[in-house]
Amino acid sequence: MKCISVYTNNFEQFSDIYEQVLEAAPQENEDIVIEGITVCGSGHVPVQYIDRMRQKPEVVVMKEKARDIMILQHGNVFEICLPSEEDEVNE
């Protein structure tokens, strides 16, 4: 899954820029700033990463079913995990 990190611990700020982040998704290892918040293309993460993160009590897991997007929130970061072409090939 493709992962995008959004560096804020404020859900309201994250929610305000969420669609902009998806529209202007940074490339791997690219940092951009949207409304003063740093957004980084974090590359790809295996599905097992999400499973491991779900087990941790300090991690909030959200899912946008319509687009099959997983959002993990922990510490000062939200991680948006998007399905990628590689995931579809491996299934």
PDB file of N, CA and C in Angstrom:
ATOM      1  N   MET A   1       0.844  -1.171   0.000  1.00  0.00           N
ATOM      2  CA  MET A   1       0.000   0.000   0.000  1.00  0.00           C
ATOM      3  C   MET A   1       0.892   1.237   0.000  1.00  0.00           C
ATOM      4  N   LYS A   2       0.469   2.239  -0.733  1.00  0.00           N
ATOM      5  CA  LYS A   2       1.190   3.506  -0.758  1.00  0.00           C
ATOM      6  C   LYS A   2       0.864   4.260   0.528  1.00  0.00           C
ATOM      7  N   CYS A   3       1.873   4.832   1.158  1.00  0.00           N
ATOM      8  CA  CYS A   3       1.677   5.523   2.429  1.00  0.00           C
ATOM      9  C   CYS A   3       2.051   6.997   2.312  1.00  0.00           C
ATOM     10  N   ILE A   4       1.190   7.849   2.852  1.00  0.00           N
ATOM     11  CA  ILE A   4       1.438   9.288   2.914  1.00  0.00           C
ATOM     12  C   ILE A   4       1.355   9.683   4.383  1.00  0.00           C
ATOM     13  N   SER A   5       2.399  10.327   4.894  1.00  0.00           N
ATOM     14  CA  SER A   5       2.416  10.773   6.285  1.00  0.00           C
ATOM     15  C   SER A   5       2.042  12.245   6.362  1.00  0.00           C
ATOM     16  N   VAL A   6       1.144  12.560   7.285  1.00  0.00           N
ATOM     17  CA  VAL A   6       0.697  13.934   7.506  1.00  0.00           C
ATOM     18  C   VAL A   6       1.071  14.279   8.951  1.00  0.00           C
ATOM     19  N   TYR A   7       1.972  15.240   9.117  1.00  0.00           N
ATOM     20  CA  TYR A   7       2.536  15.531  10.431  1.00  0.00           C
ATOM     21  C   TYR A   7       1.729  16.570  11.198  1.00  0.00           C
ATOM     22  N   THR A   8       0.710  16.085  11.883  1.00  0.00           N
ATOM     23  CA  THR A   8      -0.094  16.866  12.810  1.00  0.00           C
ATOM     24  C   THR A   8      -0.765  15.894  13.767  1.00  0.00           C
ATOM     25  N   ASN A   9      -1.054  16.357  14.970  1.00  0.00           N
ATOM     26  CA  ASN A   9      -1.827  15.532  15.901  1.00  0.00           C
ATOM     27  C   ASN A   9      -3.241  16.096  16.065  1.00  0.00           C
ATOM     28  N   ASN A  10      -3.585  17.072  15.230  1.00  0.00           N
ATOM     29  CA  ASN A  10      -4.875  17.738  15.299  1.00  0.00           C
ATOM     30  C   ASN A  10      -5.808  17.154  14.233  1.00  0.00           C
ATOM     31  N   PHE A  11      -6.821  16.403  14.680  1.00  0.00           N
ATOM     32  CA  PHE A  11      -7.722  15.745  13.740  1.00  0.00           C
ATOM     33  C   PHE A  11      -8.467  16.754  12.873  1.00  0.00           C
ATOM     34  N   GLU A  12      -8.842  17.883  13.453  1.00  0.00           N
ATOM     35  CA  GLU A  12      -9.574  18.895  12.682  1.00  0.00           C
ATOM     36  C   GLU A  12      -8.718  19.432  11.531  1.00  0.00           C
ATOM     37  N   GLN A  13      -7.436  19.732  11.806  1.00  0.00           N
ATOM     38  CA  GLN A  13      -6.535  20.192  10.741  1.00  0.00           C
ATOM     39  C   GLN A  13      -6.363  19.114   9.682  1.00  0.00           C
ATOM     40  N   PHE A  14      -6.169  17.874  10.125  1.00  0.00           N
ATOM     41  CA  PHE A  14      -6.018  16.753   9.196  1.00  0.00           C
ATOM     42  C   PHE A  14      -7.251  16.626   8.311  1.00  0.00           C
ATOM     43  N   SER A  15      -8.405  16.678   8.931  1.00  0.00           N
ATOM     44  CA  SER A  15      -9.669  16.558   8.207  1.00  0.00           C
ATOM     45  C   SER A  15      -9.839  17.675   7.171  1.00  0.00           C
ATOM     46  N   ASP A  16      -9.410  18.885   7.539  1.00  0.00           N
ATOM     47  CA  ASP A  16      -9.530  20.030   6.631  1.00  0.00           C
ATOM     48  C   ASP A  16      -8.697  19.875   5.362  1.00  0.00           C
ATOM     49  N   ILE A  17      -7.539  19.201   5.459  1.00  0.00           N
ATOM     50  CA  ILE A  17      -6.651  19.097   4.287  1.00  0.00           C
ATOM     51  C   ILE A  17      -6.662  17.712   3.640  1.00  0.00           C
ATOM     52  N   TYR A  18      -7.427  16.789   4.175  1.00  0.00           N
ATOM     53  CA  TYR A  18      -7.421  15.390   3.712  1.00  0.00           C
ATOM     54  C   TYR A  18      -7.594  15.266   2.194  1.00  0.00           C
ATOM     55  N   GLU A  19      -8.605  15.884   1.632  1.00  0.00           N
ATOM     56  CA  GLU A  19      -8.848  15.774   0.186  1.00  0.00           C
ATOM     57  C   GLU A  19      -7.719  16.411  -0.616  1.00  0.00           C
ATOM     58  N   GLN A  20      -7.176  17.520  -0.122  1.00  0.00           N
ATOM     59  CA  GLN A  20      -6.051  18.163  -0.806  1.00  0.00           C
ATOM     60  C   GLN A  20      -4.834  17.246  -0.822  1.00  0.00           C
ATOM     61  N   VAL A  21      -4.619  16.540   0.278  1.00  0.00           N
ATOM     62  CA  VAL A  21      -3.493  15.600   0.355  1.00  0.00           C
ATOM     63  C   VAL A  21      -3.659  14.501  -0.692  1.00  0.00           C
ATOM     64  N   LEU A  22      -4.868  13.974  -0.813  1.00  0.00           N
ATOM     65  CA  LEU A  22      -5.105  12.912  -1.794  1.00  0.00           C
ATOM     66  C   LEU A  22      -4.948  13.422  -3.224  1.00  0.00           C
ATOM     67  N   GLU A  23      -5.376  14.649  -3.474  1.00  0.00           N
ATOM     68  CA  GLU A  23      -5.274  15.215  -4.822  1.00  0.00           C
ATOM     69  C   GLU A  23      -3.837  15.562  -5.203  1.00  0.00           C
ATOM     70  N   ALA A  24      -3.061  16.039  -4.237  1.00  0.00           N
ATOM     71  CA  ALA A  24      -1.685  16.479  -4.501  1.00  0.00           C
ATOM     72  C   ALA A  24      -0.701  15.559  -3.805  1.00  0.00           C
ATOM     73  N   ALA A  25      -0.977  14.263  -3.832  1.00  0.00           N
ATOM     74  CA  ALA A  25      -0.155  13.297  -3.109  1.00  0.00           C
ATOM     75  C   ALA A  25       1.318  13.409  -3.505  1.00  0.00           C
ATOM     76  N   PRO A  26       2.184  13.570  -2.514  1.00  0.00           N
ATOM     77  CA  PRO A  26       3.612  13.671  -2.815  1.00  0.00           C
ATOM     78  C   PRO A  26       4.176  12.338  -3.292  1.00  0.00           C
ATOM     79  N   GLN A  27       5.238  12.419  -4.072  1.00  0.00           N
ATOM     80  CA  GLN A  27       5.941  11.216  -4.519  1.00  0.00           C
ATOM     81  C   GLN A  27       6.748  10.658  -3.342  1.00  0.00           C
ATOM     82  N   GLU A  28       7.269   9.449  -3.490  1.00  0.00           N
ATOM     83  CA  GLU A  28       8.063   8.839  -2.440  1.00  0.00           C
ATOM     84  C   GLU A  28       9.240   9.751  -2.076  1.00  0.00           C
ATOM     85  N   ASN A  29       9.454   9.941  -0.789  1.00  0.00           N
ATOM     86  CA  ASN A  29      10.520  10.782  -0.220  1.00  0.00           C
ATOM     87  C   ASN A  29      10.394  12.263  -0.585  1.00  0.00           C
ATOM     88  N   GLU A  30       9.223  12.696  -1.018  1.00  0.00           N
ATOM     89  CA  GLU A  30       8.986  14.107  -1.315  1.00  0.00           C
ATOM     90  C   GLU A  30       8.172  14.717  -0.173  1.00  0.00           C
ATOM     91  N   ASP A  31       8.592  15.890   0.289  1.00  0.00           N
ATOM     92  CA  ASP A  31       7.851  16.622   1.306  1.00  0.00           C
ATOM     93  C   ASP A  31       7.160  17.807   0.657  1.00  0.00           C
ATOM     94  N   ILE A  32       5.896  18.006   1.008  1.00  0.00           N
ATOM     95  CA  ILE A  32       5.175  19.204   0.582  1.00  0.00           C
ATOM     96  C   ILE A  32       4.518  19.802   1.816  1.00  0.00           C
ATOM     97  N   VAL A  33       4.105  21.051   1.720  1.00  0.00           N
ATOM     98  CA  VAL A  33       3.417  21.706   2.825  1.00  0.00           C
ATOM     99  C   VAL A  33       2.053  22.157   2.321  1.00  0.00           C
ATOM    100  N   ILE A  34       1.017  21.731   3.047  1.00  0.00           N
ATOM    101  CA  ILE A  34      -0.360  22.116   2.718  1.00  0.00           C
ATOM    102  C   ILE A  34      -0.930  22.807   3.948  1.00  0.00           C
ATOM    103  N   GLU A  35      -1.285  24.062   3.771  1.00  0.00           N
ATOM    104  CA  GLU A  35      -1.839  24.876   4.860  1.00  0.00           C
ATOM    105  C   GLU A  35      -0.980  24.800   6.124  1.00  0.00           C
ATOM    106  N   GLY A  36       0.339  24.851   5.935  1.00  0.00           N
ATOM    107  CA  GLY A  36       1.263  24.864   7.062  1.00  0.00           C
ATOM    108  C   GLY A  36       1.580  23.509   7.658  1.00  0.00           C
ATOM    109  N   ILE A  37       1.055  22.441   7.081  1.00  0.00           N
ATOM    110  CA  ILE A  37       1.278  21.086   7.607  1.00  0.00           C
ATOM    111  C   ILE A  37       2.150  20.314   6.629  1.00  0.00           C
ATOM    112  N   THR A  38       3.207  19.687   7.162  1.00  0.00           N
ATOM    113  CA  THR A  38       4.111  18.906   6.325  1.00  0.00           C
ATOM    114  C   THR A  38       3.477  17.571   5.972  1.00  0.00           C
ATOM    115  N   VAL A  39       3.553  17.239   4.683  1.00  0.00           N
ATOM    116  CA  VAL A  39       3.011  15.985   4.153  1.00  0.00           C
ATOM    117  C   VAL A  39       4.152  15.310   3.405  1.00  0.00           C
ATOM    118  N   CYS A  40       4.369  14.027   3.677  1.00  0.00           N
ATOM    119  CA  CYS A  40       5.513  13.320   3.095  1.00  0.00           C
ATOM    120  C   CYS A  40       5.063  12.032   2.422  1.00  0.00           C
ATOM    121  N   GLY A  41       5.596  11.793   1.234  1.00  0.00           N
ATOM    122  CA  GLY A  41       5.375  10.514   0.571  1.00  0.00           C
ATOM    123  C   GLY A  41       6.295   9.490   1.215  1.00  0.00           C
ATOM    124  N   SER A  42       5.721   8.547   1.924  1.00  0.00           N
ATOM    125  CA  SER A  42       6.516   7.593   2.711  1.00  0.00           C
ATOM    126  C   SER A  42       6.762   6.273   2.003  1.00  0.00           C
ATOM    127  N   GLY A  43       6.435   6.200   0.729  1.00  0.00           N
ATOM    128  CA  GLY A  43       6.690   4.960  -0.009  1.00  0.00           C
ATOM    129  C   GLY A  43       5.593   3.944   0.213  1.00  0.00           C
ATOM    130  N   HIS A  44       5.980   2.693   0.144  1.00  0.00           N
ATOM    131  CA  HIS A  44       5.012   1.612   0.284  1.00  0.00           C
ATOM    132  C   HIS A  44       5.207   0.880   1.605  1.00  0.00           C
ATOM    133  N   VAL A  45       4.094   0.438   2.177  1.00  0.00           N
ATOM    134  CA  VAL A  45       4.135  -0.372   3.388  1.00  0.00           C
ATOM    135  C   VAL A  45       3.384  -1.677   3.108  1.00  0.00           C
ATOM    136  N   PRO A  46       3.860  -2.770   3.673  1.00  0.00           N
ATOM    137  CA  PRO A  46       3.149  -4.043   3.479  1.00  0.00           C
ATOM    138  C   PRO A  46       1.859  -4.064   4.297  1.00  0.00           C
ATOM    139  N   VAL A  47       0.929  -4.866   3.877  1.00  0.00           N
ATOM    140  CA  VAL A  47      -0.343  -5.004   4.588  1.00  0.00           C
ATOM    141  C   VAL A  47      -0.091  -5.454   6.032  1.00  0.00           C
ATOM    142  N   GLN A  48       0.967  -6.226   6.251  1.00  0.00           N
ATOM    143  CA  GLN A  48       1.303  -6.693   7.599  1.00  0.00           C
ATOM    144  C   GLN A  48       1.590  -5.523   8.538  1.00  0.00           C
ATOM    145  N   TYR A  49       2.113  -4.421   8.002  1.00  0.00           N
ATOM    146  CA  TYR A  49       2.378  -3.233   8.819  1.00  0.00           C
ATOM    147  C   TYR A  49       1.078  -2.726   9.435  1.00  0.00           C
ATOM    148  N   ILE A  50       0.042  -2.662   8.630  1.00  0.00           N
ATOM    149  CA  ILE A  50      -1.256  -2.192   9.129  1.00  0.00           C
ATOM    150  C   ILE A  50      -1.784  -3.148  10.189  1.00  0.00           C
ATOM    151  N   ASP A  51      -1.650  -4.436   9.943  1.00  0.00           N
ATOM    152  CA  ASP A  51      -2.096  -5.431  10.926  1.00  0.00           C
ATOM    153  C   ASP A  51      -1.351  -5.267  12.248  1.00  0.00           C
ATOM    154  N   ARG A  52      -0.035  -5.030  12.185  1.00  0.00           N
ATOM    155  CA  ARG A  52       0.763  -4.834  13.407  1.00  0.00           C
ATOM    156  C   ARG A  52       0.345  -3.557  14.132  1.00  0.00           C
ATOM    157  N   MET A  53       0.109  -2.488  13.379  1.00  0.00           N
ATOM    158  CA  MET A  53      -0.275  -1.218  13.990  1.00  0.00           C
ATOM    159  C   MET A  53      -1.646  -1.314  14.659  1.00  0.00           C
ATOM    160  N   ARG A  54      -2.545  -2.097  14.102  1.00  0.00           N
ATOM    161  CA  ARG A  54      -3.884  -2.279  14.687  1.00  0.00           C
ATOM    162  C   ARG A  54      -3.815  -2.868  16.089  1.00  0.00           C
ATOM    163  N   GLN A  55      -2.778  -3.647  16.364  1.00  0.00           N
ATOM    164  CA  GLN A  55      -2.631  -4.311  17.654  1.00  0.00           C
ATOM    165  C   GLN A  55      -2.219  -3.352  18.774  1.00  0.00           C
ATOM    166  N   LYS A  56      -1.684  -2.189  18.406  1.00  0.00           N
ATOM    167  CA  LYS A  56      -1.154  -1.259  19.399  1.00  0.00           C
ATOM    168  C   LYS A  56      -2.276  -0.376  19.953  1.00  0.00           C
ATOM    169  N   PRO A  57      -2.377  -0.293  21.296  1.00  0.00           N
ATOM    170  CA  PRO A  57      -3.470   0.490  21.883  1.00  0.00           C
ATOM    171  C   PRO A  57      -3.369   1.994  21.621  1.00  0.00           C
ATOM    172  N   GLU A  58      -2.185   2.507  21.329  1.00  0.00           N
ATOM    173  CA  GLU A  58      -2.020   3.946  21.112  1.00  0.00           C
ATOM    174  C   GLU A  58      -2.304   4.370  19.669  1.00  0.00           C
ATOM    175  N   VAL A  59      -2.678   3.419  18.809  1.00  0.00           N
ATOM    176  CA  VAL A  59      -2.933   3.713  17.403  1.00  0.00           C
ATOM    177  C   VAL A  59      -4.436   3.717  17.126  1.00  0.00           C
ATOM    178  N   VAL A  60      -4.902   4.807  16.516  1.00  0.00           N
ATOM    179  CA  VAL A  60      -6.296   4.887  16.088  1.00  0.00           C
ATOM    180  C   VAL A  60      -6.334   4.470  14.622  1.00  0.00           C
ATOM    181  N   VAL A  61      -7.227   3.556  14.278  1.00  0.00           N
ATOM    182  CA  VAL A  61      -7.345   3.060  12.911  1.00  0.00           C
ATOM    183  C   VAL A  61      -8.702   3.472  12.356  1.00  0.00           C
ATOM    184  N   MET A  62      -8.669   4.145  11.203  1.00  0.00           N
ATOM    185  CA  MET A  62      -9.905   4.551  10.528  1.00  0.00           C
ATOM    186  C   MET A  62      -9.876   3.975   9.117  1.00  0.00           C
ATOM    187  N   LYS A  63     -11.039   3.711   8.567  1.00  0.00           N
ATOM    188  CA  LYS A  63     -11.097   3.175   7.215  1.00  0.00           C
ATOM    189  C   LYS A  63     -12.143   3.938   6.417  1.00  0.00           C
ATOM    190  N   GLU A  64     -11.728   4.345   5.215  1.00  0.00           N
ATOM    191  CA  GLU A  64     -12.671   4.932   4.277  1.00  0.00           C
ATOM    192  C   GLU A  64     -13.025   3.822   3.299  1.00  0.00           C
ATOM    193  N   LYS A  65     -14.171   3.191   3.499  1.00  0.00           N
ATOM    194  CA  LYS A  65     -14.548   2.007   2.735  1.00  0.00           C
ATOM    195  C   LYS A  65     -14.706   2.275   1.240  1.00  0.00           C
ATOM    196  N   ALA A  66     -15.268   3.424   0.889  1.00  0.00           N
ATOM    197  CA  ALA A  66     -15.550   3.706  -0.521  1.00  0.00           C
ATOM    198  C   ALA A  66     -14.294   3.649  -1.388  1.00  0.00           C
ATOM    199  N   ARG A  67     -13.159   4.111  -0.846  1.00  0.00           N
ATOM    200  CA  ARG A  67     -11.915   4.131  -1.632  1.00  0.00           C
ATOM    201  C   ARG A  67     -10.873   3.161  -1.090  1.00  0.00           C
ATOM    202  N   ASP A  68     -11.264   2.311  -0.128  1.00  0.00           N
ATOM    203  CA  ASP A  68     -10.370   1.320   0.465  1.00  0.00           C
ATOM    204  C   ASP A  68      -9.100   1.974   1.029  1.00  0.00           C
ATOM    205  N   ILE A  69      -9.277   3.075   1.746  1.00  0.00           N
ATOM    206  CA  ILE A  69      -8.157   3.808   2.337  1.00  0.00           C
ATOM    207  C   ILE A  69      -8.137   3.555   3.837  1.00  0.00           C
ATOM    208  N   MET A  70      -6.959   3.227   4.366  1.00  0.00           N
ATOM    209  CA  MET A  70      -6.761   3.060   5.801  1.00  0.00           C
ATOM    210  C   MET A  70      -6.026   4.291   6.314  1.00  0.00           C
ATOM    211  N   ILE A  71      -6.453   4.795   7.461  1.00  0.00           N
ATOM    212  CA  ILE A  71      -5.789   5.939   8.088  1.00  0.00           C
ATOM    213  C   ILE A  71      -5.387   5.513   9.493  1.00  0.00           C
ATOM    214  N   LEU A  72      -4.105   5.627   9.784  1.00  0.00           N
ATOM    215  CA  LEU A  72      -3.581   5.316  11.101  1.00  0.00           C
ATOM    216  C   LEU A  72      -3.173   6.619  11.760  1.00  0.00           C
ATOM    217  N   GLN A  73      -3.550   6.819  13.015  1.00  0.00           N
ATOM    218  CA  GLN A  73      -3.148   8.023  13.732  1.00  0.00           C
ATOM    219  C   GLN A  73      -2.434   7.590  14.997  1.00  0.00           C
ATOM    220  N   HIS A  74      -1.211   8.061  15.141  1.00  0.00           N
ATOM    221  CA  HIS A  74      -0.442   7.777  16.357  1.00  0.00           C
ATOM    222  C   HIS A  74       0.569   8.892  16.558  1.00  0.00           C
ATOM    223  N   GLY A  75       0.734   9.278  17.805  1.00  0.00           N
ATOM    224  CA  GLY A  75       1.660  10.372  18.101  1.00  0.00           C
ATOM    225  C   GLY A  75       1.264  11.630  17.353  1.00  0.00           C
ATOM    226  N   ASN A  76       2.215  12.220  16.656  1.00  0.00           N
ATOM    227  CA  ASN A  76       1.975  13.464  15.916  1.00  0.00           C
ATOM    228  C   ASN A  76       1.862  13.233  14.420  1.00  0.00           C
ATOM    229  N   VAL A  77       1.375  12.064  14.025  1.00  0.00           N
ATOM    230  CA  VAL A  77       1.308  11.768  12.593  1.00  0.00           C
ATOM    231  C   VAL A  77       0.046  10.965  12.251  1.00  0.00           C
ATOM    232  N   PHE A  78      -0.495  11.291  11.100  1.00  0.00           N
ATOM    233  CA  PHE A  78      -1.546  10.489  10.474  1.00  0.00           C
ATOM    234  C   PHE A  78      -0.899   9.812   9.281  1.00  0.00           C
ATOM    235  N   GLU A  79      -1.109   8.527   9.103  1.00  0.00           N
ATOM    236  CA  GLU A  79      -0.604   7.809   7.935  1.00  0.00           C
ATOM    237  C   GLU A  79      -1.794   7.398   7.085  1.00  0.00           C
ATOM    238  N   ILE A  80      -1.812   7.867   5.853  1.00  0.00           N
ATOM    239  CA  ILE A  80      -2.870   7.510   4.908  1.00  0.00           C
ATOM    240  C   ILE A  80      -2.316   6.380   4.041  1.00  0.00           C
ATOM    241  N   CYS A  81      -2.946   5.226   4.100  1.00  0.00           N
ATOM    242  CA  CYS A  81      -2.490   4.062   3.330  1.00  0.00           C
ATOM    243  C   CYS A  81      -3.484   3.812   2.206  1.00  0.00           C
ATOM    244  N   LEU A  82      -2.987   3.985   0.979  1.00  0.00           N
ATOM    245  CA  LEU A  82      -3.822   3.871  -0.213  1.00  0.00           C
ATOM    246  C   LEU A  82      -3.495   2.590  -0.965  1.00  0.00           C
ATOM    247  N   PRO A  83      -4.498   1.944  -1.553  1.00  0.00           N
ATOM    248  CA  PRO A  83      -4.184   0.789  -2.391  1.00  0.00           C
ATOM    249  C   PRO A  83      -3.363   1.252  -3.591  1.00  0.00           C
ATOM    250  N   SER A  84      -2.424   0.419  -4.011  1.00  0.00           N
ATOM    251  CA  SER A  84      -1.591   0.771  -5.163  1.00  0.00           C
ATOM    252  C   SER A  84      -1.711  -0.313  -6.221  1.00  0.00           C
ATOM    253  N   GLU A  85      -1.189  -0.011  -7.408  1.00  0.00           N
ATOM    254  CA  GLU A  85      -1.225  -0.987  -8.499  1.00  0.00           C
ATOM    255  C   GLU A  85      -0.495  -2.264  -8.105  1.00  0.00           C
ATOM    256  N   GLU A  86       0.602  -2.127  -7.336  1.00  0.00           N
ATOM    257  CA  GLU A  86       1.371  -3.296  -6.898  1.00  0.00           C
ATOM    258  C   GLU A  86       0.501  -4.227  -6.047  1.00  0.00           C
ATOM    259  N   ASP A  87      -0.351  -3.647  -5.198  1.00  0.00           N
ATOM    260  CA  ASP A  87      -1.223  -4.460  -4.344  1.00  0.00           C
ATOM    261  C   ASP A  87      -2.177  -5.290  -5.197  1.00  0.00           C
ATOM    262  N   GLU A  88      -2.721  -4.675  -6.250  1.00  0.00           N
ATOM    263  CA  GLU A  88      -3.672  -5.374  -7.109  1.00  0.00           C
ATOM    264  C   GLU A  88      -2.997  -6.507  -7.866  1.00  0.00           C
ATOM    265  N   VAL A  89      -1.748  -6.315  -8.271  1.00  0.00           N
ATOM    266  CA  VAL A  89      -1.004  -7.358  -8.989  1.00  0.00           C
ATOM    267  C   VAL A  89      -0.718  -8.538  -8.070  1.00  0.00           C
ATOM    268  N   ASN A  90      -0.417  -8.242  -6.788  1.00  0.00           N
ATOM    269  CA  ASN A  90      -0.030  -9.297  -5.845  1.00  0.00           C
ATOM    270  C   ASN A  90      -1.221 -10.080  -5.301  1.00  0.00           C
ATOM    271  N   GLU A  91      -2.435  -9.622  -5.518  1.00  0.00           N
ATOM    272  CA  GLU A  91      -3.605 -10.325  -4.966  1.00  0.00           C
ATOM    273  C   GLU A  91      -3.999 -11.517  -5.799  1.00  0.00           C
TER     274      GLU A  91
END
